[in-house]
Amino acid sequence: MRTSFIRAVKAESLKLKRSPVWLAFFALPIISAFFGTMNYKLNMEVLKAEWYSLWSQHTIFLCYLFMPALIGTYCSYLWRLERTRHNWNSFLTAPVPISCLYLSKLTQAVRGAILGNLWIFFLFYISGKLAGIRSGFPPETLEWFLCGTVGAVVVCCVQLLLSLVIRSFAIPIGIALAGGVFGLFMTNHDYGMNYPYSIYCLGMRANNPNMEISLSALIVNSVGYIIVFAALSVFYLRRHEIAAN
């Protein structure tokens, strides 16, 4: 099982070599950081909490719009690779367990989300220095990153299932974008912890660095969503494997 999983992950890495989708992960956070920093600089008489105020401006659109759409794009691209030419049947009949094939896709999606999060926090640090903030870097950022990463895994699982079931490349991305926007509504009405797209935003403390959340609820709900959506994806793949055979 372990050997099969490693082989599947290596195969996925080769498929993604020189993938253009990474440009979006690189460019969109830069755009968000630029406008967030400019808004902070223009409103410093109101935004006086330095790093925390800057973070609120950086995450206004990033967590509710850009990142769900980016993860959705990456997940759609992962399945699109299998739907070109005759790759789908080759994928389903590969000499490794279906669960390993799915986990290799999930591993690539999660890796992209983690690298995207690291890039976001790096840009946040650089933007703060360029904005003239001289106070110490917030120690809470480690918790924001870890909780945000857990939430990003949830979004990856949801989007992988959507992109697996829906053959269109664009429709799952649109769902991710709508899901992120609706996540703001759910969060404002205190239902965010029960909604998969909001968990990422809550973990990142999007637009509200002082937000208090239940870490136990975040972990339990996240694990529950991950198990459910991963199991549904593997079940769907197994049904198609039977049809292919």
C-alpha atoms as a PDB file:
ATOM      1  CA  MET A   1       0.000   0.000   0.000  1.00  0.00           C
ATOM      2  CA  ARG A   2       2.724   2.456   0.953  1.00  0.00           C
ATOM      3  CA  THR A   3       4.772   1.625  -2.148  1.00  0.00           C
ATOM      4  CA  SER A   4       1.703   2.004  -4.373  1.00  0.00           C
ATOM      5  CA  PHE A   5       0.920   5.380  -2.828  1.00  0.00           C
ATOM      6  CA  ILE A   6       4.478   6.649  -3.358  1.00  0.00           C
ATOM      7  CA  ARG A   7       4.394   5.482  -6.988  1.00  0.00           C
ATOM      8  CA  ALA A   8       1.062   7.230  -7.528  1.00  0.00           C
ATOM      9  CA  VAL A   9       2.336  10.488  -5.995  1.00  0.00           C
ATOM     10  CA  LYS A  10       5.450  10.404  -8.188  1.00  0.00           C
ATOM     11  CA  ALA A  11       3.289   9.830 -11.257  1.00  0.00           C
ATOM     12  CA  GLU A  12       1.118  12.823 -10.338  1.00  0.00           C
ATOM     13  CA  SER A  13       4.204  14.981  -9.845  1.00  0.00           C
ATOM     14  CA  LEU A  14       5.408  14.113 -13.334  1.00  0.00           C
ATOM     15  CA  LYS A  15       2.011  15.006 -14.821  1.00  0.00           C
ATOM     16  CA  LEU A  16       2.099  18.404 -13.108  1.00  0.00           C
ATOM     17  CA  LYS A  17       5.637  19.248 -14.158  1.00  0.00           C
ATOM     18  CA  ARG A  18       5.686  22.680 -15.823  1.00  0.00           C
ATOM     19  CA  SER A  19       1.982  23.104 -15.134  1.00  0.00           C
ATOM     20  CA  PRO A  20       0.734  26.650 -15.887  1.00  0.00           C
ATOM     21  CA  VAL A  21      -1.735  26.514 -12.996  1.00  0.00           C
ATOM     22  CA  TRP A  22       1.023  27.530 -10.560  1.00  0.00           C
ATOM     23  CA  LEU A  23       1.050  30.993 -12.120  1.00  0.00           C
ATOM     24  CA  ALA A  24      -2.369  31.668 -10.574  1.00  0.00           C
ATOM     25  CA  PHE A  25      -1.153  30.612  -7.104  1.00  0.00           C
ATOM     26  CA  PHE A  26       1.760  33.017  -7.545  1.00  0.00           C
ATOM     27  CA  ALA A  27      -0.061  35.987  -9.084  1.00  0.00           C
ATOM     28  CA  LEU A  28      -3.416  36.288  -7.278  1.00  0.00           C
ATOM     29  CA  PRO A  29      -1.979  36.522  -3.735  1.00  0.00           C
ATOM     30  CA  ILE A  30       0.362  39.258  -4.983  1.00  0.00           C
ATOM     31  CA  ILE A  31      -2.612  41.231  -6.320  1.00  0.00           C
ATOM     32  CA  SER A  32      -4.495  40.759  -3.044  1.00  0.00           C
ATOM     33  CA  ALA A  33      -1.440  41.749  -0.989  1.00  0.00           C
ATOM     34  CA  PHE A  34      -0.866  44.859  -3.118  1.00  0.00           C
ATOM     35  CA  PHE A  35      -4.409  46.192  -2.798  1.00  0.00           C
ATOM     36  CA  GLY A  36      -4.631  45.186   0.862  1.00  0.00           C
ATOM     37  CA  THR A  37      -1.409  47.018   1.673  1.00  0.00           C
ATOM     38  CA  MET A  38      -2.475  50.095  -0.287  1.00  0.00           C
ATOM     39  CA  ASN A  39      -5.808  50.179   1.549  1.00  0.00           C
ATOM     40  CA  TYR A  40      -3.960  49.879   4.859  1.00  0.00           C
ATOM     41  CA  LYS A  41      -1.600  52.728   3.991  1.00  0.00           C
ATOM     42  CA  LEU A  42      -4.457  54.977   2.893  1.00  0.00           C
ATOM     43  CA  ASN A  43      -6.439  54.362   6.087  1.00  0.00           C
ATOM     44  CA  MET A  44      -3.740  54.268   8.753  1.00  0.00           C
ATOM     45  CA  GLU A  45      -5.543  56.915  10.795  1.00  0.00           C
ATOM     46  CA  VAL A  46      -8.342  54.357  11.292  1.00  0.00           C
ATOM     47  CA  LEU A  47      -6.395  51.083  11.041  1.00  0.00           C
ATOM     48  CA  LYS A  48      -4.088  51.484  14.030  1.00  0.00           C
ATOM     49  CA  ALA A  49      -3.460  47.861  15.013  1.00  0.00           C
ATOM     50  CA  GLU A  50      -0.465  47.586  12.634  1.00  0.00           C
ATOM     51  CA  TRP A  51       0.079  43.891  11.724  1.00  0.00           C
ATOM     52  CA  TYR A  52      -3.466  42.938  12.713  1.00  0.00           C
ATOM     53  CA  SER A  53      -5.008  45.756  10.694  1.00  0.00           C
ATOM     54  CA  LEU A  54      -2.830  44.846   7.723  1.00  0.00           C
ATOM     55  CA  TRP A  55      -3.924  41.207   7.974  1.00  0.00           C
ATOM     56  CA  SER A  56      -7.573  42.231   7.975  1.00  0.00           C
ATOM     57  CA  GLN A  57      -7.006  44.092   4.705  1.00  0.00           C
ATOM     58  CA  HIS A  58      -4.988  41.278   3.120  1.00  0.00           C
ATOM     59  CA  THR A  59      -7.679  38.699   3.779  1.00  0.00           C
ATOM     60  CA  ILE A  60     -10.809  40.661   2.806  1.00  0.00           C
ATOM     61  CA  PHE A  61     -10.932  39.078  -0.652  1.00  0.00           C
ATOM     62  CA  LEU A  62      -8.167  36.517  -0.443  1.00  0.00           C
ATOM     63  CA  CYS A  63      -9.768  33.935   1.835  1.00  0.00           C
ATOM     64  CA  TYR A  64     -13.348  34.315   0.678  1.00  0.00           C
ATOM     65  CA  LEU A  65     -12.703  34.674  -3.068  1.00  0.00           C
ATOM     66  CA  PHE A  66      -9.229  34.001  -4.357  1.00  0.00           C
ATOM     67  CA  MET A  67      -8.099  30.932  -2.412  1.00  0.00           C
ATOM     68  CA  PRO A  68     -11.296  28.856  -2.837  1.00  0.00           C
ATOM     69  CA  ALA A  69     -11.199  29.660  -6.562  1.00  0.00           C
ATOM     70  CA  LEU A  70      -7.481  28.809  -6.758  1.00  0.00           C
ATOM     71  CA  ILE A  71      -7.981  25.479  -5.004  1.00  0.00           C
ATOM     72  CA  GLY A  72     -10.966  24.801  -7.267  1.00  0.00           C
ATOM     73  CA  THR A  73      -8.858  25.560 -10.335  1.00  0.00           C
ATOM     74  CA  TYR A  74      -6.074  23.258  -9.196  1.00  0.00           C
ATOM     75  CA  CYS A  75      -8.475  20.395  -8.410  1.00  0.00           C
ATOM     76  CA  SER A  76     -10.196  20.768 -11.780  1.00  0.00           C
ATOM     77  CA  TYR A  77      -6.828  20.699 -13.484  1.00  0.00           C
ATOM     78  CA  LEU A  78      -5.832  17.526 -11.633  1.00  0.00           C
ATOM     79  CA  TRP A  79      -8.834  15.647 -13.040  1.00  0.00           C
ATOM     80  CA  ARG A  80      -8.645  17.293 -16.448  1.00  0.00           C
ATOM     81  CA  LEU A  81      -5.289  15.584 -16.957  1.00  0.00           C
ATOM     82  CA  GLU A  82      -7.073  12.234 -16.780  1.00  0.00           C
ATOM     83  CA  ARG A  83      -9.898  13.203 -19.125  1.00  0.00           C
ATOM     84  CA  THR A  84      -7.716  14.026 -22.118  1.00  0.00           C
ATOM     85  CA  ARG A  85      -7.343  11.379 -24.824  1.00  0.00           C
ATOM     86  CA  HIS A  86      -7.523   7.888 -23.263  1.00  0.00           C
ATOM     87  CA  ASN A  87      -5.983   8.730 -19.891  1.00  0.00           C
ATOM     88  CA  TRP A  88      -9.180   8.057 -17.926  1.00  0.00           C
ATOM     89  CA  ASN A  89      -9.250   4.309 -18.585  1.00  0.00           C
ATOM     90  CA  SER A  90      -5.499   4.099 -18.053  1.00  0.00           C
ATOM     91  CA  PHE A  91      -5.903   5.895 -14.747  1.00  0.00           C
ATOM     92  CA  LEU A  92      -8.685   3.615 -13.521  1.00  0.00           C
ATOM     93  CA  THR A  93      -6.866   0.442 -14.535  1.00  0.00           C
ATOM     94  CA  ALA A  94      -3.490   1.435 -13.074  1.00  0.00           C
ATOM     95  CA  PRO A  95      -1.883  -1.376 -11.003  1.00  0.00           C
ATOM     96  CA  VAL A  96      -2.423   0.458  -7.704  1.00  0.00           C
ATOM     97  CA  PRO A  97      -5.456   0.614  -5.379  1.00  0.00           C
ATOM     98  CA  ILE A  98      -8.116   3.201  -6.215  1.00  0.00           C
ATOM     99  CA  SER A  99      -7.665   4.730  -2.772  1.00  0.00           C
ATOM    100  CA  CYS A 100      -3.990   5.381  -3.560  1.00  0.00           C
ATOM    101  CA  LEU A 101      -4.917   7.026  -6.847  1.00  0.00           C
ATOM    102  CA  TYR A 102      -7.304   9.358  -5.050  1.00  0.00           C
ATOM    103  CA  LEU A 103      -4.871  10.080  -2.219  1.00  0.00           C
ATOM    104  CA  SER A 104      -2.188  10.983  -4.748  1.00  0.00           C
ATOM    105  CA  LYS A 105      -4.544  13.606  -6.206  1.00  0.00           C
ATOM    106  CA  LEU A 106      -5.403  14.856  -2.725  1.00  0.00           C
ATOM    107  CA  THR A 107      -1.709  15.030  -1.819  1.00  0.00           C
ATOM    108  CA  GLN A 108      -1.000  17.247  -4.821  1.00  0.00           C
ATOM    109  CA  ALA A 109      -3.990  19.489  -4.059  1.00  0.00           C
ATOM    110  CA  VAL A 110      -2.986  19.835  -0.399  1.00  0.00           C
ATOM    111  CA  ARG A 111       0.613  20.539  -1.360  1.00  0.00           C
ATOM    112  CA  GLY A 112      -0.579  23.338  -3.632  1.00  0.00           C
ATOM    113  CA  ALA A 113      -2.772  24.771  -0.878  1.00  0.00           C
ATOM    114  CA  ILE A 114       0.053  24.659   1.678  1.00  0.00           C
ATOM    115  CA  LEU A 115       2.510  26.343  -0.670  1.00  0.00           C
ATOM    116  CA  GLY A 116      -0.158  28.916  -1.468  1.00  0.00           C
ATOM    117  CA  ASN A 117      -0.626  29.609   2.245  1.00  0.00           C
ATOM    118  CA  LEU A 118       3.119  29.925   2.798  1.00  0.00           C
ATOM    119  CA  TRP A 119       3.287  32.410  -0.074  1.00  0.00           C
ATOM    120  CA  ILE A 120       0.400  34.389   1.458  1.00  0.00           C
ATOM    121  CA  PHE A 121       2.172  34.713   4.818  1.00  0.00           C
ATOM    122  CA  PHE A 122       5.480  35.581   3.171  1.00  0.00           C
ATOM    123  CA  LEU A 123       3.767  38.371   1.229  1.00  0.00           C
ATOM    124  CA  PHE A 124       2.095  39.513   4.442  1.00  0.00           C
ATOM    125  CA  TYR A 125       5.475  39.817   6.177  1.00  0.00           C
ATOM    126  CA  ILE A 126       7.110  41.641   3.261  1.00  0.00           C
ATOM    127  CA  SER A 127       4.115  43.956   2.896  1.00  0.00           C
ATOM    128  CA  GLY A 128       4.265  44.849   6.590  1.00  0.00           C
ATOM    129  CA  LYS A 129       7.916  45.776   6.346  1.00  0.00           C
ATOM    130  CA  LEU A 130       7.293  47.840   3.211  1.00  0.00           C
ATOM    131  CA  ALA A 131       4.371  49.548   4.950  1.00  0.00           C
ATOM    132  CA  GLY A 132       6.716  50.653   7.725  1.00  0.00           C
ATOM    133  CA  ILE A 133       5.465  48.417  10.532  1.00  0.00           C
ATOM    134  CA  ARG A 134       8.233  48.106  13.110  1.00  0.00           C
ATOM    135  CA  SER A 135       6.546  46.080  15.848  1.00  0.00           C
ATOM    136  CA  GLY A 136       7.172  42.370  16.297  1.00  0.00           C
ATOM    137  CA  PHE A 137       5.566  39.897  13.925  1.00  0.00           C
ATOM    138  CA  PRO A 138       2.322  38.510  15.470  1.00  0.00           C
ATOM    139  CA  PRO A 139       2.953  35.143  17.169  1.00  0.00           C
ATOM    140  CA  GLU A 140      -0.630  34.132  16.349  1.00  0.00           C
ATOM    141  CA  THR A 141       0.281  33.749  12.675  1.00  0.00           C
ATOM    142  CA  LEU A 142       1.506  30.199  13.310  1.00  0.00           C
ATOM    143  CA  GLU A 143      -1.937  29.225  14.600  1.00  0.00           C
ATOM    144  CA  TRP A 144      -3.606  31.032  11.688  1.00  0.00           C
ATOM    145  CA  PHE A 145      -1.434  29.137   9.245  1.00  0.00           C
ATOM    146  CA  LEU A 146      -2.017  25.713  10.828  1.00  0.00           C
ATOM    147  CA  CYS A 147      -5.772  26.197  11.204  1.00  0.00           C
ATOM    148  CA  GLY A 148      -5.995  27.649   7.714  1.00  0.00           C
ATOM    149  CA  THR A 149      -4.133  24.655   6.323  1.00  0.00           C
ATOM    150  CA  VAL A 150      -6.612  22.285   7.966  1.00  0.00           C
ATOM    151  CA  GLY A 151      -9.455  24.280   6.429  1.00  0.00           C
ATOM    152  CA  ALA A 152      -7.714  24.249   3.046  1.00  0.00           C
ATOM    153  CA  VAL A 153      -7.606  20.434   3.139  1.00  0.00           C
ATOM    154  CA  VAL A 154     -11.391  20.457   3.615  1.00  0.00           C
ATOM    155  CA  VAL A 155     -11.822  22.679   0.542  1.00  0.00           C
ATOM    156  CA  CYS A 156      -9.478  20.392  -1.421  1.00  0.00           C
ATOM    157  CA  CYS A 157     -11.617  17.350  -0.581  1.00  0.00           C
ATOM    158  CA  VAL A 158     -14.828  19.131  -1.561  1.00  0.00           C
ATOM    159  CA  GLN A 159     -13.410  20.425  -4.824  1.00  0.00           C
ATOM    160  CA  LEU A 160     -11.814  17.123  -5.780  1.00  0.00           C
ATOM    161  CA  LEU A 161     -15.198  15.433  -5.481  1.00  0.00           C
ATOM    162  CA  LEU A 162     -16.944  18.170  -7.484  1.00  0.00           C
ATOM    163  CA  SER A 163     -14.304  18.106 -10.219  1.00  0.00           C
ATOM    164  CA  LEU A 164     -14.463  14.314 -10.296  1.00  0.00           C
ATOM    165  CA  VAL A 165     -18.243  14.180 -10.730  1.00  0.00           C
ATOM    166  CA  ILE A 166     -18.614  17.271 -12.946  1.00  0.00           C
ATOM    167  CA  ARG A 167     -16.699  16.888 -16.189  1.00  0.00           C
ATOM    168  CA  SER A 168     -16.653  20.617 -16.892  1.00  0.00           C
ATOM    169  CA  PHE A 169     -13.438  22.419 -15.970  1.00  0.00           C
ATOM    170  CA  ALA A 170     -15.092  25.738 -15.161  1.00  0.00           C
ATOM    171  CA  ILE A 171     -18.263  24.761 -13.269  1.00  0.00           C
ATOM    172  CA  PRO A 172     -16.453  23.427 -10.131  1.00  0.00           C
ATOM    173  CA  ILE A 173     -14.386  26.621 -10.061  1.00  0.00           C
ATOM    174  CA  GLY A 174     -17.576  28.664 -10.178  1.00  0.00           C
ATOM    175  CA  ILE A 175     -18.992  26.574  -7.328  1.00  0.00           C
ATOM    176  CA  ALA A 176     -15.812  27.208  -5.312  1.00  0.00           C
ATOM    177  CA  LEU A 177     -16.126  30.947  -5.919  1.00  0.00           C
ATOM    178  CA  ALA A 178     -19.803  30.951  -4.939  1.00  0.00           C
ATOM    179  CA  GLY A 179     -19.031  28.725  -1.949  1.00  0.00           C
ATOM    180  CA  GLY A 180     -16.420  31.163  -0.705  1.00  0.00           C
ATOM    181  CA  VAL A 181     -18.772  34.138  -1.049  1.00  0.00           C
ATOM    182  CA  PHE A 182     -21.580  32.268   0.698  1.00  0.00           C
ATOM    183  CA  GLY A 183     -19.057  31.367   3.394  1.00  0.00           C
ATOM    184  CA  LEU A 184     -18.974  35.038   4.398  1.00  0.00           C
ATOM    185  CA  PHE A 185     -22.734  34.937   4.894  1.00  0.00           C
ATOM    186  CA  MET A 186     -22.496  31.724   6.946  1.00  0.00           C
ATOM    187  CA  THR A 187     -19.720  33.155   9.105  1.00  0.00           C
ATOM    188  CA  ASN A 188     -21.639  36.353   9.775  1.00  0.00           C
ATOM    189  CA  HIS A 189     -24.585  34.249  10.967  1.00  0.00           C
ATOM    190  CA  ASP A 190     -22.435  32.048  13.228  1.00  0.00           C
ATOM    191  CA  TYR A 191     -22.793  28.940  11.052  1.00  0.00           C
ATOM    192  CA  GLY A 192     -19.293  29.125   9.608  1.00  0.00           C
ATOM    193  CA  MET A 193     -17.887  26.179  11.540  1.00  0.00           C
ATOM    194  CA  ASN A 194     -20.525  23.931   9.951  1.00  0.00           C
ATOM    195  CA  TYR A 195     -19.836  25.039   6.386  1.00  0.00           C
ATOM    196  CA  PRO A 196     -16.747  23.622   4.602  1.00  0.00           C
ATOM    197  CA  TYR A 197     -15.715  26.785   2.754  1.00  0.00           C
ATOM    198  CA  SER A 198     -15.951  28.882   5.930  1.00  0.00           C
ATOM    199  CA  ILE A 199     -13.626  26.663   7.944  1.00  0.00           C
ATOM    200  CA  TYR A 200     -10.631  27.870   5.938  1.00  0.00           C
ATOM    201  CA  CYS A 201     -11.633  31.510   6.469  1.00  0.00           C
ATOM    202  CA  LEU A 202     -12.216  31.004  10.192  1.00  0.00           C
ATOM    203  CA  GLY A 203      -8.895  29.236  10.601  1.00  0.00           C
ATOM    204  CA  MET A 204      -7.103  32.089   8.842  1.00  0.00           C
ATOM    205  CA  ARG A 205      -9.069  34.658  10.915  1.00  0.00           C
ATOM    206  CA  ALA A 206     -10.017  36.281   7.629  1.00  0.00           C
ATOM    207  CA  ASN A 207     -10.771  39.988   8.016  1.00  0.00           C
ATOM    208  CA  ASN A 208     -10.846  39.626  11.819  1.00  0.00           C
ATOM    209  CA  PRO A 209      -7.512  38.726  13.486  1.00  0.00           C
ATOM    210  CA  ASN A 210      -9.088  38.994  16.946  1.00  0.00           C
ATOM    211  CA  MET A 211     -11.769  36.419  16.207  1.00  0.00           C
ATOM    212  CA  GLU A 212     -12.065  33.698  18.838  1.00  0.00           C
ATOM    213  CA  ILE A 213     -12.883  30.227  17.554  1.00  0.00           C
ATOM    214  CA  SER A 214     -13.173  26.766  19.064  1.00  0.00           C
ATOM    215  CA  LEU A 215     -10.116  24.816  17.928  1.00  0.00           C
ATOM    216  CA  SER A 216     -11.716  21.525  18.937  1.00  0.00           C
ATOM    217  CA  ALA A 217     -14.799  22.272  16.833  1.00  0.00           C
ATOM    218  CA  LEU A 218     -12.623  23.287  13.889  1.00  0.00           C
ATOM    219  CA  ILE A 219     -10.623  20.053  14.055  1.00  0.00           C
ATOM    220  CA  VAL A 220     -13.625  17.756  14.589  1.00  0.00           C
ATOM    221  CA  ASN A 221     -15.673  19.347  11.810  1.00  0.00           C
ATOM    222  CA  SER A 222     -12.705  19.418   9.450  1.00  0.00           C
ATOM    223  CA  VAL A 223     -11.863  15.747  10.007  1.00  0.00           C
ATOM    224  CA  GLY A 224     -15.524  14.854   9.528  1.00  0.00           C
ATOM    225  CA  TYR A 225     -15.742  16.699   6.215  1.00  0.00           C
ATOM    226  CA  ILE A 226     -12.435  15.250   5.020  1.00  0.00           C
ATOM    227  CA  ILE A 227     -13.524  11.670   5.756  1.00  0.00           C
ATOM    228  CA  VAL A 228     -16.964  12.109   4.153  1.00  0.00           C
ATOM    229  CA  PHE A 229     -15.810  13.775   0.928  1.00  0.00           C
ATOM    230  CA  ALA A 230     -12.767  11.523   0.550  1.00  0.00           C
ATOM    231  CA  ALA A 231     -14.931   8.410   1.033  1.00  0.00           C
ATOM    232  CA  LEU A 232     -17.464   9.658  -1.534  1.00  0.00           C
ATOM    233  CA  SER A 233     -14.687  10.284  -4.055  1.00  0.00           C
ATOM    234  CA  VAL A 234     -13.175   6.815  -3.599  1.00  0.00           C
ATOM    235  CA  PHE A 235     -16.647   5.236  -3.847  1.00  0.00           C
ATOM    236  CA  TYR A 236     -17.310   7.121  -7.090  1.00  0.00           C
ATOM    237  CA  LEU A 237     -13.986   6.045  -8.547  1.00  0.00           C
ATOM    238  CA  ARG A 238     -14.567   2.407  -7.625  1.00  0.00           C
ATOM    239  CA  ARG A 239     -17.905   2.393  -9.416  1.00  0.00           C
ATOM    240  CA  HIS A 240     -16.252   3.782 -12.535  1.00  0.00           C
ATOM    241  CA  GLU A 241     -13.421   1.260 -12.256  1.00  0.00           C
ATOM    242  CA  ILE A 242     -15.991  -1.542 -12.391  1.00  0.00           C
ATOM    243  CA  ALA A 243     -17.577   0.033 -15.482  1.00  0.00           C
ATOM    244  CA  ALA A 244     -14.175   0.446 -17.147  1.00  0.00           C
ATOM    245  CA  ASN A 245     -13.253  -3.148 -16.492  1.00  0.00           C
END
